[in-house]
Amino acid sequence: MPIRRFGGHKSLVSHSPKLSYGYTKMNISKSGYRVFSANSTTACTELAKRITERLGVELGKSVVYQEANRETRVDVKESVRGQDIFIIQTIPRDVNTAIMELLIMAYALKTSCAKNIIGVIPYFPYSKQCKMRKRGSIVCKLLASMLAKAGLTHIITMDLHQKEVQGFFSFPVDNLRASPFLIQYIQEEIPDYRNAIIVAKSPSSAKRAQSYAERLRLGLAVMHGEAHHSELDMADGRQSPPLSRTSTGHTGLELPVMMAKEKPPITVVGDVGGRIAIIIDDIIDDVEDFVAAAEILKERGAYKIYIMATHGLLSAEAPRLIEESAIDEVVVTNTVPHEIQKLQCPKIKTVDVSMILAEAIRRTHNGESMAYLFRNIAVDD
């Protein structure tokens, strides 16, 4: 009789859709990992849903919301003990709230005994603030320290503004590339792309543009001269004058004076006449520079102008300015939610990169090499 009772119990477990504590087989799977979204807005969870659909798992049960006094509260609704946890956080316009959501969720998972906490942050915020500016601070380094303190053990991101940012972290960083998806879009969606020329909006983006030109077997043009100072020309603290103080030493010392830079008018190095101009960059936020570049390219004879970028922040009046400009199409990935901007401007198109993010999650959990995701990726890409 005891043997029959044991056999009946075994049969019941194998056919029941639920295990103890009410968790389904999907929730307590042999895979040993969960995927959560740290966003409190519906628009920002769209990418997380696409990724979980590709992985064939359910999105982790959690509640992220803002209190009446704007404090962020996170409540994880299921056990994460001993699991690999992936937190997908897309960055909306309210950047600082998104950062706090990520930090608080990571800390909540850490105190809930998660084994590993991996942040999937397709667009890493504050990545432009990675150099000292006058008496400012390197905010990107500060954010990296905060994420480590909150409990993150690994980050998966895409197209960092400067690849050297990876050195700010005390844990591994996988910096994926969106270029294969954007190049595929050029080949499949731009008619007569063989008559196109890749354009770098400034000398600082020439390496990225050169990578696209070499892969597409197209020519390269570089624009020089800008209406506004680029970030590379901004003064840092080393150029600040010393404090006035009484000197008891030699008083007749004269140092050579550094001549001030003077930007020339915008010029184009390369022939764009009768060609399709494709401007390549990593971030498109304020679009005034892109609009000015498009006007110059039109004057030089380009008959169509495309802008390709990984992260479409499209802040302020960007949709209106794009719609009224000479730009024919702006193509960005879905690393940043921009559905509202697309409704305001039909010229904005989206490329889905959830496939590579899902594969990166799968490989990270299984301990597989990430080399497959970086095939033919050079150091300068």
Protein backbone atom coordinates (compact mmCIF):
# COMPACT_ATOMS: atom_id res chain seq x y z
CA MET A 1 0.00 0.00 0.00
CA PRO A 2 2.73 2.61 0.77
CA ILE A 3 4.26 1.90 -2.62
CA ARG A 4 0.93 2.50 -4.36
CA ARG A 5 0.44 5.78 -2.51
CA PHE A 6 3.92 6.95 -3.57
CA GLY A 7 3.21 6.00 -7.16
CA GLY A 8 -0.06 7.92 -7.13
CA HIS A 9 1.69 10.97 -5.76
CA LYS A 10 4.31 10.80 -8.52
CA SER A 11 1.63 10.54 -11.19
CA LEU A 12 -0.25 13.52 -9.76
CA VAL A 13 2.82 15.76 -9.89
CA SER A 14 3.69 14.82 -13.46
CA HIS A 15 0.23 15.68 -14.78
CA SER A 16 -0.59 18.70 -12.65
CA PRO A 17 -0.02 22.10 -14.29
CA LYS A 18 0.94 23.62 -10.93
CA LEU A 19 3.61 22.97 -8.36
CA SER A 20 3.79 24.02 -4.71
CA TYR A 21 3.08 27.62 -3.68
CA GLY A 22 0.90 28.15 -6.74
CA TYR A 23 3.71 28.57 -9.30
CA THR A 24 3.13 27.13 -12.73
CA LYS A 25 5.66 25.04 -14.61
CA MET A 26 6.45 28.06 -16.77
CA ASN A 27 7.31 30.12 -13.71
CA ILE A 28 9.48 27.41 -12.11
CA SER A 29 11.22 26.21 -15.22
CA LYS A 30 14.46 24.32 -15.54
CA SER A 31 15.95 27.35 -17.27
CA GLY A 32 16.58 29.07 -13.93
CA TYR A 33 16.22 32.65 -15.08
CA ARG A 34 13.57 35.35 -15.08
CA VAL A 35 13.12 38.51 -17.11
CA PHE A 36 11.67 41.62 -15.50
CA SER A 37 10.83 45.09 -16.77
CA ALA A 38 11.75 47.99 -14.50
CA ASN A 39 9.55 50.54 -16.26
CA SER A 40 6.41 52.03 -14.75
CA THR A 41 4.95 53.15 -18.12
CA THR A 42 3.26 50.92 -20.69
CA ALA A 43 5.12 52.39 -23.68
CA CYS A 44 8.48 51.44 -22.18
CA THR A 45 7.56 47.80 -21.60
CA GLU A 46 6.99 47.11 -25.32
CA LEU A 47 10.62 46.11 -25.94
CA ALA A 48 10.59 43.83 -22.88
CA LYS A 49 7.50 42.05 -24.23
CA ARG A 50 9.14 41.53 -27.62
CA ILE A 51 12.24 40.06 -25.99
CA THR A 52 10.31 37.65 -23.76
CA GLU A 53 8.22 36.50 -26.73
CA ARG A 54 11.40 35.60 -28.60
CA LEU A 55 12.77 33.80 -25.54
CA GLY A 56 9.50 31.92 -25.00
CA VAL A 57 9.20 32.97 -21.35
CA GLU A 58 6.78 35.07 -19.36
CA LEU A 59 7.65 38.55 -18.15
CA GLY A 60 8.39 38.48 -14.43
CA LYS A 61 5.64 39.58 -12.07
CA SER A 62 6.47 42.91 -10.46
CA VAL A 63 4.89 46.27 -9.79
CA VAL A 64 6.77 49.52 -10.41
CA TYR A 65 4.95 52.75 -9.68
CA GLN A 66 5.30 56.30 -8.41
CA GLU A 67 3.96 57.42 -5.05
CA ALA A 68 1.98 60.65 -4.73
CA ASN A 69 5.19 62.41 -3.66
CA ARG A 70 7.00 61.03 -6.78
CA GLU A 71 8.98 58.41 -4.84
CA THR A 72 9.53 55.17 -6.77
CA ARG A 73 8.27 51.93 -5.29
CA VAL A 74 9.06 48.42 -6.56
CA ASP A 75 7.31 45.23 -5.44
CA VAL A 76 8.56 41.88 -6.81
CA LYS A 77 5.62 39.44 -6.85
CA GLU A 78 7.45 36.12 -7.20
CA SER A 79 10.45 34.28 -5.76
CA VAL A 80 13.81 34.97 -7.40
CA ARG A 81 16.04 33.07 -4.96
CA GLY A 82 19.03 31.48 -6.70
CA GLN A 83 17.91 32.66 -10.15
CA ASP A 84 19.64 34.62 -12.92
CA ILE A 85 17.58 37.81 -13.20
CA PHE A 86 17.56 40.03 -16.28
CA ILE A 87 16.16 43.55 -15.84
CA ILE A 88 15.16 45.23 -19.09
CA GLN A 89 15.12 48.99 -18.74
CA THR A 90 14.40 51.29 -21.66
CA ILE A 91 15.00 54.97 -21.02
CA PRO A 92 12.09 57.35 -21.72
CA ARG A 93 12.23 61.13 -21.58
CA ASP A 94 12.15 61.06 -17.79
CA VAL A 95 15.69 59.73 -17.53
CA ASN A 96 16.22 60.18 -13.80
CA THR A 97 13.02 58.34 -12.87
CA ALA A 98 14.04 55.43 -15.09
CA ILE A 99 17.43 55.26 -13.38
CA MET A 100 15.83 55.18 -9.93
CA GLU A 101 13.44 52.43 -11.08
CA LEU A 102 16.41 50.36 -12.23
CA LEU A 103 18.43 50.95 -9.06
CA ILE A 104 15.54 50.17 -6.71
CA MET A 105 14.53 47.03 -8.60
CA ALA A 106 18.12 45.78 -8.68
CA TYR A 107 18.46 46.33 -4.95
CA ALA A 108 15.11 44.63 -4.30
CA LEU A 109 16.25 41.58 -6.28
CA LYS A 110 19.62 41.58 -4.51
CA THR A 111 17.95 41.53 -1.07
CA SER A 112 15.65 38.75 -2.37
CA CYS A 113 18.69 36.50 -2.88
CA ALA A 114 18.87 36.54 -6.68
CA LYS A 115 21.97 34.70 -7.89
CA ASN A 116 22.98 37.13 -10.67
CA ILE A 117 21.37 40.43 -11.68
CA ILE A 118 21.98 41.44 -15.28
CA GLY A 119 20.83 44.83 -16.53
CA VAL A 120 19.67 44.95 -20.15
CA ILE A 121 19.93 48.68 -20.89
CA PRO A 122 19.82 49.16 -24.68
CA TYR A 123 20.45 52.91 -24.41
CA PHE A 124 22.78 53.73 -21.54
CA PRO A 125 21.85 57.16 -20.11
CA TYR A 126 24.41 59.89 -19.38
CA SER A 127 26.82 58.21 -21.82
CA LYS A 128 27.63 61.62 -23.33
CA GLN A 129 28.82 62.84 -19.94
CA CYS A 130 31.87 60.58 -19.95
CA LYS A 131 34.55 63.28 -19.95
CA MET A 132 35.49 66.08 -17.59
CA ARG A 133 33.92 69.41 -18.54
CA LYS A 134 35.36 72.44 -16.78
CA ARG A 135 34.48 71.93 -13.10
CA GLY A 136 31.74 69.41 -13.76
CA SER A 137 31.86 65.68 -13.16
CA ILE A 138 32.01 62.43 -15.11
CA VAL A 139 28.41 61.45 -14.49
CA CYS A 140 28.67 58.21 -16.46
CA LYS A 141 31.29 56.95 -13.99
CA LEU A 142 29.02 57.89 -11.09
CA LEU A 143 26.12 55.96 -12.62
CA ALA A 144 28.32 52.91 -13.17
CA SER A 145 29.29 52.94 -9.48
CA MET A 146 25.64 53.29 -8.42
CA LEU A 147 24.58 50.31 -10.53
CA ALA A 148 27.32 48.14 -9.03
CA LYS A 149 26.37 49.22 -5.51
CA ALA A 150 22.69 48.42 -6.18
CA GLY A 151 23.61 44.82 -7.01
CA LEU A 152 24.06 44.54 -10.79
CA THR A 153 26.68 41.98 -11.81
CA HIS A 154 26.61 42.38 -15.61
CA ILE A 155 25.23 44.82 -18.21
CA ILE A 156 24.07 44.25 -21.77
CA THR A 157 23.82 47.47 -23.73
CA MET A 158 24.01 48.68 -27.32
CA ASP A 159 26.22 51.21 -29.12
CA LEU A 160 27.70 53.14 -26.21
CA HIS A 161 28.46 56.73 -27.16
CA GLN A 162 32.11 56.06 -26.32
CA LYS A 163 33.29 52.46 -26.09
CA GLU A 164 35.78 53.46 -23.39
CA VAL A 165 32.81 53.86 -21.02
CA GLN A 166 33.09 50.10 -20.41
CA GLY A 167 36.16 50.84 -18.30
CA PHE A 168 34.01 52.66 -15.73
CA PHE A 169 32.39 49.39 -14.62
CA SER A 170 33.71 46.87 -12.12
CA PHE A 171 31.74 44.05 -13.80
CA PRO A 172 31.40 42.73 -17.39
CA VAL A 173 29.74 44.88 -20.06
CA ASP A 174 28.56 43.54 -23.43
CA ASN A 175 28.30 46.42 -25.90
CA LEU A 176 26.18 45.05 -28.76
CA ARG A 177 25.98 46.68 -32.20
CA ALA A 178 22.90 47.76 -34.14
CA SER A 179 24.79 48.24 -37.41
CA PRO A 180 23.83 44.82 -38.92
CA PHE A 181 20.14 45.70 -38.60
CA LEU A 182 20.57 49.22 -40.00
CA ILE A 183 22.69 47.95 -42.88
CA GLN A 184 20.03 45.36 -43.66
CA TYR A 185 17.43 48.14 -43.71
CA ILE A 186 19.53 50.12 -46.18
CA GLN A 187 19.87 47.12 -48.48
CA GLU A 188 16.21 46.12 -48.37
CA GLU A 189 14.27 49.37 -47.93
CA ILE A 190 16.23 52.06 -49.79
CA PRO A 191 15.68 51.76 -53.55
CA ASP A 192 18.86 52.10 -55.62
CA TYR A 193 21.04 52.20 -52.51
CA ARG A 194 24.02 51.42 -54.74
CA ASN A 195 23.81 55.06 -55.82
CA ALA A 196 24.10 56.22 -52.21
CA ILE A 197 26.99 57.77 -50.33
CA ILE A 198 27.59 57.46 -46.58
CA VAL A 199 27.97 60.82 -44.84
CA ALA A 200 29.63 61.59 -41.50
CA LYS A 201 27.99 64.65 -39.95
CA SER A 202 31.28 65.60 -38.28
CA PRO A 203 34.87 64.32 -38.26
CA SER A 204 34.23 62.71 -34.86
CA SER A 205 31.70 60.32 -36.42
CA ALA A 206 33.84 59.50 -39.46
CA LYS A 207 34.99 56.11 -38.15
CA ARG A 208 31.42 54.92 -37.65
CA ALA A 209 30.43 56.15 -41.11
CA GLN A 210 33.52 54.54 -42.65
CA SER A 211 32.48 51.18 -41.18
CA TYR A 212 29.09 51.42 -42.92
CA ALA A 213 30.67 52.57 -46.20
CA GLU A 214 33.12 49.66 -46.28
CA ARG A 215 30.44 47.07 -45.55
CA LEU A 216 28.06 48.46 -48.16
CA ARG A 217 30.87 49.08 -50.69
CA LEU A 218 29.85 52.74 -50.95
CA GLY A 219 31.68 56.05 -51.00
CA LEU A 220 32.26 58.24 -47.95
CA ALA A 221 31.78 61.97 -47.42
CA VAL A 222 32.65 63.95 -44.30
CA MET A 223 31.12 67.25 -43.24
CA HIS A 224 33.36 69.74 -41.47
CA GLY A 225 32.40 72.93 -39.68
CA GLU A 226 29.48 73.23 -37.31
CA ALA A 227 27.14 75.91 -36.08
CA HIS A 228 27.67 74.76 -32.48
CA HIS A 229 30.80 73.58 -30.73
CA SER A 230 31.10 69.83 -30.63
CA GLU A 231 31.69 68.01 -27.37
CA LEU A 232 35.31 67.36 -28.32
CA ASP A 233 36.01 71.11 -28.37
CA MET A 234 34.49 71.93 -25.01
CA ALA A 235 36.99 73.19 -22.45
CA ASP A 236 37.94 71.02 -19.55
CA GLY A 237 39.35 71.97 -16.17
CA ARG A 238 42.94 71.96 -17.39
CA GLN A 239 42.27 75.17 -19.33
CA SER A 240 40.91 77.04 -16.32
CA PRO A 241 43.01 80.02 -15.11
CA PRO A 242 44.77 79.53 -11.77
CA LEU A 243 43.58 81.31 -8.65
CA SER A 244 45.08 84.74 -8.04
CA ARG A 245 47.68 84.50 -5.34
CA THR A 246 50.72 86.41 -4.23
CA SER A 247 53.85 85.00 -5.84
CA THR A 248 57.25 85.30 -4.22
CA GLY A 249 59.12 83.70 -7.10
CA HIS A 250 59.97 84.85 -10.59
CA THR A 251 57.38 87.41 -11.78
CA GLY A 252 58.36 87.91 -15.41
CA LEU A 253 57.26 84.48 -16.73
CA GLU A 254 55.20 84.65 -19.94
CA LEU A 255 53.61 81.47 -21.30
CA PRO A 256 52.62 81.17 -24.98
CA VAL A 257 48.93 81.90 -25.49
CA MET A 258 46.84 79.20 -27.12
CA MET A 259 44.99 80.65 -30.11
CA ALA A 260 41.20 80.31 -29.97
CA LYS A 261 39.58 77.89 -32.40
CA GLU A 262 37.48 79.32 -35.19
CA LYS A 263 35.04 77.02 -36.94
CA PRO A 264 34.94 77.34 -40.71
CA PRO A 265 31.63 77.35 -42.60
CA ILE A 266 30.12 73.93 -43.12
CA THR A 267 31.84 72.16 -45.98
CA VAL A 268 31.46 68.68 -47.47
CA VAL A 269 34.56 66.63 -48.25
CA GLY A 270 33.33 64.28 -50.98
CA ASP A 271 30.98 64.41 -53.96
CA VAL A 272 27.29 63.99 -53.10
CA GLY A 273 25.86 65.40 -56.34
CA GLY A 274 23.13 63.19 -57.82
CA ARG A 275 23.47 60.69 -54.97
CA ILE A 276 21.41 59.42 -52.04
CA ALA A 277 23.01 60.80 -48.88
CA ILE A 278 22.84 58.56 -45.79
CA ILE A 279 23.97 60.31 -42.60
CA ILE A 280 25.24 57.89 -39.93
CA ASP A 281 25.34 58.58 -36.19
CA ASP A 282 24.77 56.77 -32.89
CA ILE A 283 22.28 59.18 -31.25
CA ILE A 284 19.75 61.57 -32.72
CA ASP A 285 18.39 63.87 -30.02
CA ASP A 286 18.23 67.56 -30.88
CA VAL A 287 17.94 67.56 -34.65
CA GLU A 288 19.04 71.09 -35.52
CA ASP A 289 22.48 69.90 -36.64
CA PHE A 290 20.94 67.14 -38.77
CA VAL A 291 18.53 69.59 -40.39
CA ALA A 292 21.39 72.00 -41.18
CA ALA A 293 23.44 69.14 -42.61
CA ALA A 294 20.51 68.04 -44.79
CA GLU A 295 20.16 71.56 -46.21
CA ILE A 296 23.86 71.66 -47.12
CA LEU A 297 23.67 68.24 -48.77
CA LYS A 298 20.64 69.34 -50.79
CA GLU A 299 22.54 72.40 -51.95
CA ARG A 300 25.41 70.14 -53.01
CA GLY A 301 23.11 68.05 -55.20
CA ALA A 302 21.95 65.11 -53.07
CA TYR A 303 18.43 64.18 -54.17
CA LYS A 304 17.45 62.07 -51.15
CA ILE A 305 18.62 62.27 -47.56
CA TYR A 306 18.34 59.53 -44.95
CA ILE A 307 19.47 59.62 -41.34
CA MET A 308 20.40 56.35 -39.61
CA ALA A 309 20.98 56.21 -35.86
CA THR A 310 20.84 53.58 -33.15
CA HIS A 311 19.15 55.63 -30.43
CA GLY A 312 16.26 57.89 -31.42
CA LEU A 313 15.78 60.17 -28.41
CA LEU A 314 14.08 62.80 -30.61
CA SER A 315 13.65 65.36 -27.85
CA ALA A 316 11.82 68.69 -27.83
CA GLU A 317 10.57 69.77 -31.27
CA ALA A 318 12.41 67.04 -33.18
CA PRO A 319 9.35 65.53 -34.96
CA ARG A 320 8.17 68.91 -36.23
CA LEU A 321 11.63 69.97 -37.37
CA ILE A 322 12.15 66.68 -39.21
CA GLU A 323 8.77 66.94 -40.90
CA GLU A 324 9.52 70.48 -42.13
CA SER A 325 13.11 69.74 -43.21
CA ALA A 326 14.75 68.38 -46.35
CA ILE A 327 15.23 65.02 -44.62
CA ASP A 328 13.35 62.23 -46.40
CA GLU A 329 13.52 59.58 -43.68
CA VAL A 330 14.91 59.06 -40.17
CA VAL A 331 15.60 55.42 -39.28
CA VAL A 332 16.25 54.47 -35.63
CA THR A 333 16.03 51.29 -33.57
CA ASN A 334 13.59 50.60 -30.74
CA THR A 335 16.20 50.92 -27.97
CA VAL A 336 14.27 54.03 -26.88
CA PRO A 337 10.45 54.28 -27.04
CA HIS A 338 9.36 56.87 -29.62
CA GLU A 339 5.83 55.90 -30.66
CA ILE A 340 4.49 59.40 -29.91
CA GLN A 341 7.15 60.97 -32.14
CA LYS A 342 6.22 58.56 -34.97
CA LEU A 343 2.61 59.69 -34.78
CA GLN A 344 3.77 63.30 -35.08
CA CYS A 345 6.14 62.63 -37.98
CA PRO A 346 5.59 59.82 -40.53
CA LYS A 347 9.20 60.21 -41.72
CA ILE A 348 10.42 58.35 -38.61
CA LYS A 349 10.89 54.61 -39.15
CA THR A 350 11.81 51.92 -36.61
CA VAL A 351 14.07 48.87 -36.82
CA ASP A 352 13.50 46.12 -34.27
CA VAL A 353 16.63 44.91 -32.39
CA SER A 354 14.87 42.65 -29.88
CA MET A 355 16.32 39.59 -31.66
CA ILE A 356 19.94 40.31 -30.73
CA LEU A 357 19.02 41.35 -27.18
CA ALA A 358 17.08 38.11 -26.66
CA GLU A 359 19.97 36.06 -28.01
CA ALA A 360 22.40 37.90 -25.71
CA ILE A 361 20.20 37.04 -22.73
CA ARG A 362 20.02 33.38 -23.73
CA ARG A 363 23.78 33.10 -24.24
CA THR A 364 24.57 34.92 -21.00
CA HIS A 365 22.39 32.60 -18.95
CA ASN A 366 23.67 29.44 -20.65
CA GLY A 367 27.30 30.53 -20.33
CA GLU A 368 27.80 30.48 -24.10
CA SER A 369 30.29 32.63 -25.97
CA MET A 370 29.07 36.03 -27.17
CA ALA A 371 31.49 35.98 -30.12
CA TYR A 372 28.70 35.01 -32.53
CA LEU A 373 27.00 38.36 -31.87
CA PHE A 374 30.21 40.24 -32.74
CA ARG A 375 31.04 38.54 -36.03
CA ASN A 376 33.06 40.83 -38.34
CA ILE A 377 32.86 43.64 -35.75
CA ALA A 378 36.11 45.63 -35.71
CA VAL A 379 37.46 47.70 -32.83
CA ASP A 380 36.44 50.97 -34.51
CA ASP A 381 32.85 49.84 -35.24
